[in-house]
Amino acid sequence: LADAFDVGSVFGGATARTTFVIVDGTVHAVYTD
């Protein structure tokens, strides 16, 4: 999932804190950091 959403890694492989809002199958908003 992380790779499909292109979410980066932190702490040696854990996913970076990132939120996606999806509407009608399309990414509506992305929150990073």
PDB file of all heavy atoms in Angstrom:
ATOM      1  N   LEU A   1       0.838  -1.209   0.000  1.00  0.00           N
ATOM      2  CA  LEU A   1       0.000   0.000   0.000  1.00  0.00           C
ATOM      3  C   LEU A   1       0.873   1.260   0.000  1.00  0.00           C
ATOM      4  O   LEU A   1       0.626   2.193  -0.761  1.00  0.00           O
ATOM      5  CB  LEU A   1      -0.940   0.012   1.198  1.00  0.00           C
ATOM      6  CG  LEU A   1      -2.070  -1.004   1.200  1.00  0.00           C
ATOM      7  CD1 LEU A   1      -2.780  -1.016   2.546  1.00  0.00           C
ATOM      8  CD2 LEU A   1      -3.055  -0.720   0.095  1.00  0.00           C
ATOM      9  N   ALA A   2       1.868   1.271   0.872  1.00  0.00           N
ATOM     10  CA  ALA A   2       2.744   2.444   0.961  1.00  0.00           C
ATOM     11  C   ALA A   2       3.398   2.741  -0.387  1.00  0.00           C
ATOM     12  O   ALA A   2       3.450   3.892  -0.819  1.00  0.00           O
ATOM     13  CB  ALA A   2       3.800   2.229   2.040  1.00  0.00           C
ATOM     14  N   ASP A   3       3.883   1.697  -1.057  1.00  0.00           N
ATOM     15  CA  ASP A   3       4.514   1.912  -2.361  1.00  0.00           C
ATOM     16  C   ASP A   3       3.496   2.370  -3.408  1.00  0.00           C
ATOM     17  O   ASP A   3       3.802   3.234  -4.231  1.00  0.00           O
ATOM     18  CB  ASP A   3       5.221   0.643  -2.827  1.00  0.00           C
ATOM     19  CG  ASP A   3       6.479   0.344  -2.028  1.00  0.00           C
ATOM     20  OD1 ASP A   3       6.967   1.232  -1.299  1.00  0.00           O
ATOM     21  OD2 ASP A   3       6.968  -0.812  -2.111  1.00  0.00           O
ATOM     22  N   ALA A   4       2.286   1.816  -3.375  1.00  0.00           N
ATOM     23  CA  ALA A   4       1.258   2.210  -4.350  1.00  0.00           C
ATOM     24  C   ALA A   4       0.860   3.678  -4.188  1.00  0.00           C
ATOM     25  O   ALA A   4       0.542   4.352  -5.163  1.00  0.00           O
ATOM     26  CB  ALA A   4       0.033   1.303  -4.216  1.00  0.00           C
ATOM     27  N   PHE A   5       0.883   4.167  -2.942  1.00  0.00           N
ATOM     28  CA  PHE A   5       0.564   5.566  -2.664  1.00  0.00           C
ATOM     29  C   PHE A   5       1.819   6.451  -2.683  1.00  0.00           C
ATOM     30  O   PHE A   5       1.735   7.637  -2.408  1.00  0.00           O
ATOM     31  CB  PHE A   5      -0.135   5.698  -1.307  1.00  0.00           C
ATOM     32  CG  PHE A   5      -1.603   5.365  -1.321  1.00  0.00           C
ATOM     33  CD1 PHE A   5      -2.041   4.063  -1.147  1.00  0.00           C
ATOM     34  CD2 PHE A   5      -2.562   6.359  -1.492  1.00  0.00           C
ATOM     35  CE1 PHE A   5      -3.391   3.749  -1.145  1.00  0.00           C
ATOM     36  CE2 PHE A   5      -3.915   6.068  -1.492  1.00  0.00           C
ATOM     37  CZ  PHE A   5      -4.329   4.756  -1.323  1.00  0.00           C
ATOM     38  N   ASP A   6       2.967   5.859  -2.947  1.00  0.00           N
ATOM     39  CA  ASP A   6       4.250   6.578  -2.951  1.00  0.00           C
ATOM     40  C   ASP A   6       4.542   7.262  -1.627  1.00  0.00           C
ATOM     41  O   ASP A   6       5.042   8.398  -1.581  1.00  0.00           O
ATOM     42  CB  ASP A   6       4.321   7.599  -4.097  1.00  0.00           C
ATOM     43  CG  ASP A   6       4.392   6.949  -5.463  1.00  0.00           C
ATOM     44  OD1 ASP A   6       4.923   5.827  -5.557  1.00  0.00           O
ATOM     45  OD2 ASP A   6       3.901   7.563  -6.431  1.00  0.00           O
ATOM     46  N   VAL A   7       4.251   6.557  -0.537  1.00  0.00           N
ATOM     47  CA  VAL A   7       4.517   7.086   0.799  1.00  0.00           C
ATOM     48  C   VAL A   7       5.950   6.729   1.178  1.00  0.00           C
ATOM     49  O   VAL A   7       6.353   5.560   1.078  1.00  0.00           O
ATOM     50  CB  VAL A   7       3.524   6.520   1.827  1.00  0.00           C
ATOM     51  CG1 VAL A   7       3.900   6.942   3.244  1.00  0.00           C
ATOM     52  CG2 VAL A   7       2.115   6.975   1.494  1.00  0.00           C
ATOM     53  N   GLY A   8       6.695   7.713   1.601  1.00  0.00           N
ATOM     54  CA  GLY A   8       8.089   7.506   1.962  1.00  0.00           C
ATOM     55  C   GLY A   8       8.258   6.740   3.257  1.00  0.00           C
ATOM     56  O   GLY A   8       7.292   6.386   3.937  1.00  0.00           O
ATOM     57  N   SER A   9       9.510   6.508   3.596  1.00  0.00           N
ATOM     58  CA  SER A   9       9.870   5.755   4.796  1.00  0.00           C
ATOM     59  C   SER A   9      10.534   6.667   5.827  1.00  0.00           C
ATOM     60  O   SER A   9      11.187   7.637   5.481  1.00  0.00           O
ATOM     61  CB  SER A   9      10.855   4.640   4.451  1.00  0.00           C
ATOM     62  OG  SER A   9      10.283   3.713   3.581  1.00  0.00           O
ATOM     63  N   VAL A  10      10.354   6.292   7.073  1.00  0.00           N
ATOM     64  CA  VAL A  10      11.046   6.927   8.197  1.00  0.00           C
ATOM     65  C   VAL A  10      11.481   5.814   9.139  1.00  0.00           C
ATOM     66  O   VAL A  10      10.951   4.700   9.087  1.00  0.00           O
ATOM     67  CB  VAL A  10      10.137   7.929   8.950  1.00  0.00           C
ATOM     68  CG1 VAL A  10       9.777   9.111   8.076  1.00  0.00           C
ATOM     69  CG2 VAL A  10       8.884   7.266   9.484  1.00  0.00           C
ATOM     70  N   PHE A  11      12.423   6.099   9.991  1.00  0.00           N
ATOM     71  CA  PHE A  11      12.829   5.147  11.035  1.00  0.00           C
ATOM     72  C   PHE A  11      13.152   3.753  10.486  1.00  0.00           C
ATOM     73  O   PHE A  11      12.716   2.749  11.027  1.00  0.00           O
ATOM     74  CB  PHE A  11      11.758   5.019  12.122  1.00  0.00           C
ATOM     75  CG  PHE A  11      11.253   6.327  12.653  1.00  0.00           C
ATOM     76  CD1 PHE A  11       9.908   6.634  12.602  1.00  0.00           C
ATOM     77  CD2 PHE A  11      12.117   7.266  13.195  1.00  0.00           C
ATOM     78  CE1 PHE A  11       9.434   7.837  13.087  1.00  0.00           C
ATOM     79  CE2 PHE A  11      11.647   8.472  13.672  1.00  0.00           C
ATOM     80  CZ  PHE A  11      10.309   8.757  13.625  1.00  0.00           C
ATOM     81  N   GLY A  12      13.861   3.681   9.380  1.00  0.00           N
ATOM     82  CA  GLY A  12      14.290   2.392   8.863  1.00  0.00           C
ATOM     83  C   GLY A  12      13.208   1.545   8.231  1.00  0.00           C
ATOM     84  O   GLY A  12      13.231   0.322   8.329  1.00  0.00           O
ATOM     85  N   GLY A  13      12.239   2.142   7.591  1.00  0.00           N
ATOM     86  CA  GLY A  13      11.246   1.373   6.846  1.00  0.00           C
ATOM     87  C   GLY A  13       9.804   1.638   7.225  1.00  0.00           C
ATOM     88  O   GLY A  13       8.900   1.248   6.503  1.00  0.00           O
ATOM     89  N   ALA A  14       9.561   2.260   8.372  1.00  0.00           N
ATOM     90  CA  ALA A  14       8.190   2.598   8.749  1.00  0.00           C
ATOM     91  C   ALA A  14       7.649   3.652   7.779  1.00  0.00           C
ATOM     92  O   ALA A  14       8.413   4.401   7.171  1.00  0.00           O
ATOM     93  CB  ALA A  14       8.141   3.131  10.178  1.00  0.00           C
ATOM     94  N   THR A  15       6.332   3.702   7.624  1.00  0.00           N
ATOM     95  CA  THR A  15       5.746   4.673   6.702  1.00  0.00           C
ATOM     96  C   THR A  15       5.754   6.075   7.289  1.00  0.00           C
ATOM     97  O   THR A  15       5.524   6.264   8.479  1.00  0.00           O
ATOM     98  CB  THR A  15       4.299   4.295   6.323  1.00  0.00           C
ATOM     99  OG1 THR A  15       3.533   4.135   7.515  1.00  0.00           O
ATOM    100  CG2 THR A  15       4.249   3.016   5.521  1.00  0.00           C
ATOM    101  N   ALA A  16       6.010   7.033   6.433  1.00  0.00           N
ATOM    102  CA  ALA A  16       5.953   8.435   6.832  1.00  0.00           C
ATOM    103  C   ALA A  16       4.489   8.802   7.094  1.00  0.00           C
ATOM    104  O   ALA A  16       3.583   8.304   6.429  1.00  0.00           O
ATOM    105  CB  ALA A  16       6.532   9.313   5.733  1.00  0.00           C
ATOM    106  N   ARG A  17       4.277   9.672   8.051  1.00  0.00           N
ATOM    107  CA  ARG A  17       2.909  10.075   8.403  1.00  0.00           C
ATOM    108  C   ARG A  17       2.330  10.910   7.255  1.00  0.00           C
ATOM    109  O   ARG A  17       2.742  12.043   7.014  1.00  0.00           O
ATOM    110  CB  ARG A  17       2.929  10.884   9.700  1.00  0.00           C
ATOM    111  CG  ARG A  17       1.582  11.011  10.357  1.00  0.00           C
ATOM    112  CD  ARG A  17       1.672  11.740  11.677  1.00  0.00           C
ATOM    113  NE  ARG A  17       2.664  11.245  12.608  1.00  0.00           N
ATOM    114  CZ  ARG A  17       2.505  10.188  13.410  1.00  0.00           C
ATOM    115  NH1 ARG A  17       1.383   9.508  13.366  1.00  0.00           N
ATOM    116  NH2 ARG A  17       3.463   9.831  14.230  1.00  0.00           N
ATOM    117  N   THR A  18       1.385  10.303   6.524  1.00  0.00           N
ATOM    118  CA  THR A  18       0.793  10.913   5.329  1.00  0.00           C
ATOM    119  C   THR A  18      -0.677  10.529   5.275  1.00  0.00           C
ATOM    120  O   THR A  18      -1.022   9.374   5.498  1.00  0.00           O
ATOM    121  CB  THR A  18       1.488  10.388   4.046  1.00  0.00           C
ATOM    122  OG1 THR A  18       2.902  10.527   4.183  1.00  0.00           O
ATOM    123  CG2 THR A  18       1.019  11.132   2.819  1.00  0.00           C
ATOM    124  N   THR A  19      -1.541  11.480   4.962  1.00  0.00           N
ATOM    125  CA  THR A  19      -2.979  11.220   4.883  1.00  0.00           C
ATOM    126  C   THR A  19      -3.483  11.578   3.489  1.00  0.00           C
ATOM    127  O   THR A  19      -3.133  12.622   2.943  1.00  0.00           O
ATOM    128  CB  THR A  19      -3.745  12.061   5.931  1.00  0.00           C
ATOM    129  OG1 THR A  19      -3.273  11.707   7.230  1.00  0.00           O
ATOM    130  CG2 THR A  19      -5.248  11.814   5.850  1.00  0.00           C
ATOM    131  N   PHE A  20      -4.333  10.683   2.967  1.00  0.00           N
ATOM    132  CA  PHE A  20      -4.968  10.893   1.670  1.00  0.00           C
ATOM    133  C   PHE A  20      -6.473  10.953   1.853  1.00  0.00           C
ATOM    134  O   PHE A  20      -7.044  10.121   2.561  1.00  0.00           O
ATOM    135  CB  PHE A  20      -4.647   9.730   0.710  1.00  0.00           C
ATOM    136  CG  PHE A  20      -3.197   9.606   0.388  1.00  0.00           C
ATOM    137  CD1 PHE A  20      -2.359   8.869   1.207  1.00  0.00           C
ATOM    138  CD2 PHE A  20      -2.671  10.237  -0.731  1.00  0.00           C
ATOM    139  CE1 PHE A  20      -1.011   8.757   0.921  1.00  0.00           C
ATOM    140  CE2 PHE A  20      -1.314  10.127  -1.022  1.00  0.00           C
ATOM    141  CZ  PHE A  20      -0.486   9.383  -0.195  1.00  0.00           C
ATOM    142  N   VAL A  21      -7.101  11.931   1.214  1.00  0.00           N
ATOM    143  CA  VAL A  21      -8.553  11.990   1.136  1.00  0.00           C
ATOM    144  C   VAL A  21      -8.901  11.622  -0.302  1.00  0.00           C
ATOM    145  O   VAL A  21      -8.392  12.235  -1.248  1.00  0.00           O
ATOM    146  CB  VAL A  21      -9.095  13.384   1.490  1.00  0.00           C
ATOM    147  CG1 VAL A  21     -10.597  13.439   1.272  1.00  0.00           C
ATOM    148  CG2 VAL A  21      -8.731  13.749   2.922  1.00  0.00           C
ATOM    149  N   ILE A  22      -9.760  10.613  -0.439  1.00  0.00           N
ATOM    150  CA  ILE A  22     -10.111  10.099  -1.764  1.00  0.00           C
ATOM    151  C   ILE A  22     -11.604  10.305  -1.988  1.00  0.00           C
ATOM    152  O   ILE A  22     -12.424   9.943  -1.132  1.00  0.00           O
ATOM    153  CB  ILE A  22      -9.728   8.613  -1.873  1.00  0.00           C
ATOM    154  CG1 ILE A  22      -8.210   8.497  -1.678  1.00  0.00           C
ATOM    155  CG2 ILE A  22     -10.161   8.028  -3.204  1.00  0.00           C
ATOM    156  CD1 ILE A  22      -7.745   7.178  -1.187  1.00  0.00           C
ATOM    157  N   VAL A  23     -11.934  10.903  -3.110  1.00  0.00           N
ATOM    158  CA  VAL A  23     -13.320  11.155  -3.483  1.00  0.00           C
ATOM    159  C   VAL A  23     -13.520  10.630  -4.902  1.00  0.00           C
ATOM    160  O   VAL A  23     -12.755  10.979  -5.805  1.00  0.00           O
ATOM    161  CB  VAL A  23     -13.654  12.665  -3.410  1.00  0.00           C
ATOM    162  CG1 VAL A  23     -15.088  12.918  -3.832  1.00  0.00           C
ATOM    163  CG2 VAL A  23     -13.400  13.207  -2.003  1.00  0.00           C
ATOM    164  N   ASP A  24     -14.525   9.791  -5.075  1.00  0.00           N
ATOM    165  CA  ASP A  24     -14.828   9.207  -6.391  1.00  0.00           C
ATOM    166  C   ASP A  24     -13.610   8.518  -7.011  1.00  0.00           C
ATOM    167  O   ASP A  24     -13.367   8.616  -8.212  1.00  0.00           O
ATOM    168  CB  ASP A  24     -15.369  10.265  -7.352  1.00  0.00           C
ATOM    169  CG  ASP A  24     -16.691  10.852  -6.878  1.00  0.00           C
ATOM    170  OD1 ASP A  24     -17.479  10.109  -6.258  1.00  0.00           O
ATOM    171  OD2 ASP A  24     -16.916  12.046  -7.114  1.00  0.00           O
ATOM    172  N   GLY A  25     -12.804   7.851  -6.170  1.00  0.00           N
ATOM    173  CA  GLY A  25     -11.666   7.102  -6.655  1.00  0.00           C
ATOM    174  C   GLY A  25     -10.447   7.923  -7.008  1.00  0.00           C
ATOM    175  O   GLY A  25      -9.444   7.396  -7.483  1.00  0.00           O
ATOM    176  N   THR A  26     -10.520   9.228  -6.763  1.00  0.00           N
ATOM    177  CA  THR A  26      -9.420  10.136  -7.091  1.00  0.00           C
ATOM    178  C   THR A  26      -8.907  10.798  -5.818  1.00  0.00           C
ATOM    179  O   THR A  26      -9.700  11.162  -4.942  1.00  0.00           O
ATOM    180  CB  THR A  26      -9.897  11.218  -8.082  1.00  0.00           C
ATOM    181  OG1 THR A  26     -10.384  10.565  -9.263  1.00  0.00           O
ATOM    182  CG2 THR A  26      -8.780  12.167  -8.458  1.00  0.00           C
ATOM    183  N   VAL A  27      -7.603  10.967  -5.735  1.00  0.00           N
ATOM    184  CA  VAL A  27      -7.024  11.663  -4.592  1.00  0.00           C
ATOM    185  C   VAL A  27      -7.503  13.105  -4.618  1.00  0.00           C
ATOM    186  O   VAL A  27      -7.277  13.832  -5.589  1.00  0.00           O
ATOM    187  CB  VAL A  27      -5.478  11.586  -4.610  1.00  0.00           C
ATOM    188  CG1 VAL A  27      -4.903  12.399  -3.461  1.00  0.00           C
ATOM    189  CG2 VAL A  27      -5.010  10.132  -4.537  1.00  0.00           C
ATOM    190  N   HIS A  28      -8.188  13.502  -3.568  1.00  0.00           N
ATOM    191  CA  HIS A  28      -8.739  14.851  -3.451  1.00  0.00           C
ATOM    192  C   HIS A  28      -7.772  15.777  -2.708  1.00  0.00           C
ATOM    193  O   HIS A  28      -7.630  16.950  -3.049  1.00  0.00           O
ATOM    194  CB  HIS A  28     -10.081  14.784  -2.716  1.00  0.00           C
ATOM    195  CG  HIS A  28     -10.689  16.101  -2.401  1.00  0.00           C
ATOM    196  ND1 HIS A  28     -11.335  16.861  -3.340  1.00  0.00           N
ATOM    197  CD2 HIS A  28     -10.733  16.813  -1.245  1.00  0.00           C
ATOM    198  CE1 HIS A  28     -11.772  17.978  -2.777  1.00  0.00           C
ATOM    199  NE2 HIS A  28     -11.408  17.976  -1.511  1.00  0.00           N
ATOM    200  N   ALA A  29      -7.132  15.232  -1.662  1.00  0.00           N
ATOM    201  CA  ALA A  29      -6.209  16.027  -0.850  1.00  0.00           C
ATOM    202  C   ALA A  29      -5.151  15.106  -0.257  1.00  0.00           C
ATOM    203  O   ALA A  29      -5.408  13.929  -0.016  1.00  0.00           O
ATOM    204  CB  ALA A  29      -6.959  16.750   0.268  1.00  0.00           C
ATOM    205  N   VAL A  30      -3.963  15.677  -0.033  1.00  0.00           N
ATOM    206  CA  VAL A  30      -2.855  14.944   0.564  1.00  0.00           C
ATOM    207  C   VAL A  30      -2.278  15.801   1.690  1.00  0.00           C
ATOM    208  O   VAL A  30      -2.049  16.998   1.513  1.00  0.00           O
ATOM    209  CB  VAL A  30      -1.744  14.647  -0.460  1.00  0.00           C
ATOM    210  CG1 VAL A  30      -0.610  13.849   0.178  1.00  0.00           C
ATOM    211  CG2 VAL A  30      -2.302  13.931  -1.678  1.00  0.00           C
ATOM    212  N   TYR A  31      -2.052  15.177   2.828  1.00  0.00           N
ATOM    213  CA  TYR A  31      -1.446  15.853   3.972  1.00  0.00           C
ATOM    214  C   TYR A  31      -0.128  15.147   4.273  1.00  0.00           C
ATOM    215  O   TYR A  31      -0.108  13.934   4.487  1.00  0.00           O
ATOM    216  CB  TYR A  31      -2.341  15.749   5.208  1.00  0.00           C
ATOM    217  CG  TYR A  31      -3.714  16.354   5.040  1.00  0.00           C
ATOM    218  CD1 TYR A  31      -4.727  15.650   4.391  1.00  0.00           C
ATOM    219  CD2 TYR A  31      -3.998  17.614   5.551  1.00  0.00           C
ATOM    220  CE1 TYR A  31      -5.995  16.197   4.251  1.00  0.00           C
ATOM    221  CE2 TYR A  31      -5.268  18.162   5.415  1.00  0.00           C
ATOM    222  CZ  TYR A  31      -6.255  17.447   4.759  1.00  0.00           C
ATOM    223  OH  TYR A  31      -7.507  17.988   4.620  1.00  0.00           O
ATOM    224  N   THR A  32       0.962  15.898   4.274  1.00  0.00           N
ATOM    225  CA  THR A  32       2.267  15.338   4.611  1.00  0.00           C
ATOM    226  C   THR A  32       2.801  16.037   5.856  1.00  0.00           C
ATOM    227  O   THR A  32       2.290  17.094   6.257  1.00  0.00           O
ATOM    228  CB  THR A  32       3.266  15.507   3.445  1.00  0.00           C
ATOM    229  OG1 THR A  32       3.376  16.894   3.139  1.00  0.00           O
ATOM    230  CG2 THR A  32       2.807  14.743   2.215  1.00  0.00           C
ATOM    231  N   ASP A  33       3.804  15.451   6.462  1.00  0.00           N
ATOM    232  CA  ASP A  33       4.396  16.023   7.680  1.00  0.00           C
ATOM    233  C   ASP A  33       3.307  16.386   8.692  1.00  0.00           C
ATOM    234  O   ASP A  33       3.276  17.493   9.243  1.00  0.00           O
ATOM    235  CB  ASP A  33       5.251  17.251   7.354  1.00  0.00           C
ATOM    236  CG  ASP A  33       6.403  16.913   6.431  1.00  0.00           C
ATOM    237  OD1 ASP A  33       6.998  15.834   6.600  1.00  0.00           O
ATOM    238  OD2 ASP A  33       6.679  17.711   5.520  1.00  0.00           O
TER     239      ASP A  33
END
